[in-house]
C-alpha cells in the first residue's frame, strides 16, 4: 500500500491537489490527508484565515482544533498529531 500524502488547496471554487511521498514534505506545503485518511486521527490540516491567522486541526468533517503549547507553532502541533 502506498504511503502518499496529499496537499489540497481550495481557493474559491478552484481545487488543486498535489501528491507527496513523506509527511514532512506535505507539511511544508500545509494541508494533509495521509494513509488511513478516512480515520479522523490520520487527517488534518491548517486553515489560513483572511486575517492571516493560522489554526491547525485534526479530523475531516469533524475538525478538532489543535492548541500549540509553549513555543510550539501550529505546524509543529500538526506534525506531532499526525506522526
C-alpha atoms as a PDB file:
ATOM      1  CA  UNK A   1       0.000   0.000   0.000  1.00  0.00           C
ATOM      2  CA  UNK A   2       1.323   3.410  -0.949  1.00  0.00           C
ATOM      3  CA  UNK A   3       2.102   5.913   1.795  1.00  0.00           C
ATOM      4  CA  UNK A   4       1.071   9.003  -0.158  1.00  0.00           C
ATOM      5  CA  UNK A   5       0.198  12.353   1.373  1.00  0.00           C
ATOM      6  CA  UNK A   6      -1.916  14.870  -0.490  1.00  0.00           C
ATOM      7  CA  UNK A   7      -1.928  18.664  -0.491  1.00  0.00           C
ATOM      8  CA  UNK A   8      -5.357  20.095  -1.261  1.00  0.00           C
ATOM      9  CA  UNK A   9      -5.600  23.823  -1.890  1.00  0.00           C
ATOM     10  CA  UNK A  10      -9.021  25.418  -2.168  1.00  0.00           C
ATOM     11  CA  UNK A  11      -9.186  28.953  -3.487  1.00  0.00           C
ATOM     12  CA  UNK A  12     -12.786  29.959  -4.021  1.00  0.00           C
ATOM     13  CA  UNK A  13     -14.330  27.372  -6.364  1.00  0.00           C
ATOM     14  CA  UNK A  14     -10.950  26.081  -7.587  1.00  0.00           C
ATOM     15  CA  UNK A  15      -9.376  22.953  -6.069  1.00  0.00           C
ATOM     16  CA  UNK A  16      -5.805  21.812  -6.733  1.00  0.00           C
ATOM     17  CA  UNK A  17      -4.189  18.605  -5.419  1.00  0.00           C
ATOM     18  CA  UNK A  18      -0.552  17.572  -5.213  1.00  0.00           C
ATOM     19  CA  UNK A  19       0.980  14.258  -4.018  1.00  0.00           C
ATOM     20  CA  UNK A  20       3.965  13.945  -1.655  1.00  0.00           C
ATOM     21  CA  UNK A  21       5.930  10.865  -0.590  1.00  0.00           C
ATOM     22  CA  UNK A  22       6.568  11.966   3.009  1.00  0.00           C
ATOM     23  CA  UNK A  23       4.640  13.704   5.765  1.00  0.00           C
ATOM     24  CA  UNK A  24       7.428  16.256   6.176  1.00  0.00           C
ATOM     25  CA  UNK A  25       7.274  17.242   2.507  1.00  0.00           C
ATOM     26  CA  UNK A  26       3.498  17.598   2.642  1.00  0.00           C
ATOM     27  CA  UNK A  27       3.566  19.600   5.886  1.00  0.00           C
ATOM     28  CA  UNK A  28       5.892  22.102   4.294  1.00  0.00           C
ATOM     29  CA  UNK A  29       3.026  22.812   1.910  1.00  0.00           C
ATOM     30  CA  UNK A  30       0.325  22.897   4.692  1.00  0.00           C
ATOM     31  CA  UNK A  31      -2.850  20.736   4.338  1.00  0.00           C
ATOM     32  CA  UNK A  32      -2.535  16.961   4.721  1.00  0.00           C
ATOM     33  CA  UNK A  33      -4.573  13.808   4.137  1.00  0.00           C
ATOM     34  CA  UNK A  34      -2.438  10.708   4.531  1.00  0.00           C
ATOM     35  CA  UNK A  35      -2.550   6.936   4.811  1.00  0.00           C
ATOM     36  CA  UNK A  36      -5.731   5.864   6.536  1.00  0.00           C
ATOM     37  CA  UNK A  37      -7.179   9.222   5.611  1.00  0.00           C
ATOM     38  CA  UNK A  38     -10.678   8.027   6.434  1.00  0.00           C
ATOM     39  CA  UNK A  39      -9.693   7.735  10.107  1.00  0.00           C
ATOM     40  CA  UNK A  40     -10.009  11.108  11.880  1.00  0.00           C
ATOM     41  CA  UNK A  41      -6.681  10.743  13.720  1.00  0.00           C
ATOM     42  CA  UNK A  42      -4.829  10.477  10.385  1.00  0.00           C
ATOM     43  CA  UNK A  43      -6.375  13.525   8.779  1.00  0.00           C
ATOM     44  CA  UNK A  44      -5.600  17.135   9.478  1.00  0.00           C
ATOM     45  CA  UNK A  45      -4.511  20.426   8.101  1.00  0.00           C
ATOM     46  CA  UNK A  46      -4.019  24.106   8.640  1.00  0.00           C
ATOM     47  CA  UNK A  47      -6.565  26.788   7.944  1.00  0.00           C
ATOM     48  CA  UNK A  48      -5.114  30.142   6.927  1.00  0.00           C
ATOM     49  CA  UNK A  49      -7.768  32.758   7.509  1.00  0.00           C
ATOM     50  CA  UNK A  50      -8.315  36.024   5.702  1.00  0.00           C
ATOM     51  CA  UNK A  51      -6.760  37.997   8.559  1.00  0.00           C
ATOM     52  CA  UNK A  52      -3.575  35.916   8.290  1.00  0.00           C
ATOM     53  CA  UNK A  53      -4.153  33.877  11.444  1.00  0.00           C
ATOM     54  CA  UNK A  54      -3.372  30.147  11.334  1.00  0.00           C
ATOM     55  CA  UNK A  55      -5.239  27.274  13.038  1.00  0.00           C
ATOM     56  CA  UNK A  56      -4.070  23.655  12.876  1.00  0.00           C
ATOM     57  CA  UNK A  57      -6.659  20.894  13.208  1.00  0.00           C
ATOM     58  CA  UNK A  58      -7.115  17.128  13.076  1.00  0.00           C
ATOM     59  CA  UNK A  59     -10.113  15.314  11.685  1.00  0.00           C
ATOM     60  CA  UNK A  60     -12.035  15.576   8.456  1.00  0.00           C
ATOM     61  CA  UNK A  61     -15.683  16.558   8.601  1.00  0.00           C
ATOM     62  CA  UNK A  62     -15.473  16.971  12.374  1.00  0.00           C
ATOM     63  CA  UNK A  63     -12.374  19.063  12.844  1.00  0.00           C
ATOM     64  CA  UNK A  64     -10.742  19.333  16.257  1.00  0.00           C
ATOM     65  CA  UNK A  65      -8.549  22.435  16.664  1.00  0.00           C
ATOM     66  CA  UNK A  66      -5.019  21.816  17.910  1.00  0.00           C
ATOM     67  CA  UNK A  67      -3.581  24.124  20.514  1.00  0.00           C
ATOM     68  CA  UNK A  68       0.089  24.958  20.171  1.00  0.00           C
ATOM     69  CA  UNK A  69       1.724  24.678  23.606  1.00  0.00           C
ATOM     70  CA  UNK A  70       4.553  26.905  24.717  1.00  0.00           C
ATOM     71  CA  UNK A  71       6.648  27.926  21.743  1.00  0.00           C
ATOM     72  CA  UNK A  72       5.197  25.216  19.509  1.00  0.00           C
ATOM     73  CA  UNK A  73       3.857  26.545  16.211  1.00  0.00           C
ATOM     74  CA  UNK A  74       0.578  25.320  14.694  1.00  0.00           C
ATOM     75  CA  UNK A  75       2.644  23.485  12.069  1.00  0.00           C
ATOM     76  CA  UNK A  76       4.684  21.656  14.726  1.00  0.00           C
ATOM     77  CA  UNK A  77       1.477  20.759  16.617  1.00  0.00           C
ATOM     78  CA  UNK A  78       0.056  19.265  13.412  1.00  0.00           C
ATOM     79  CA  UNK A  79       3.275  17.329  12.732  1.00  0.00           C
ATOM     80  CA  UNK A  80       3.128  15.847  16.263  1.00  0.00           C
ATOM     81  CA  UNK A  81      -0.553  14.946  15.968  1.00  0.00           C
ATOM     82  CA  UNK A  82      -0.117  13.182  12.608  1.00  0.00           C
ATOM     83  CA  UNK A  83       3.172  11.392  13.374  1.00  0.00           C
END
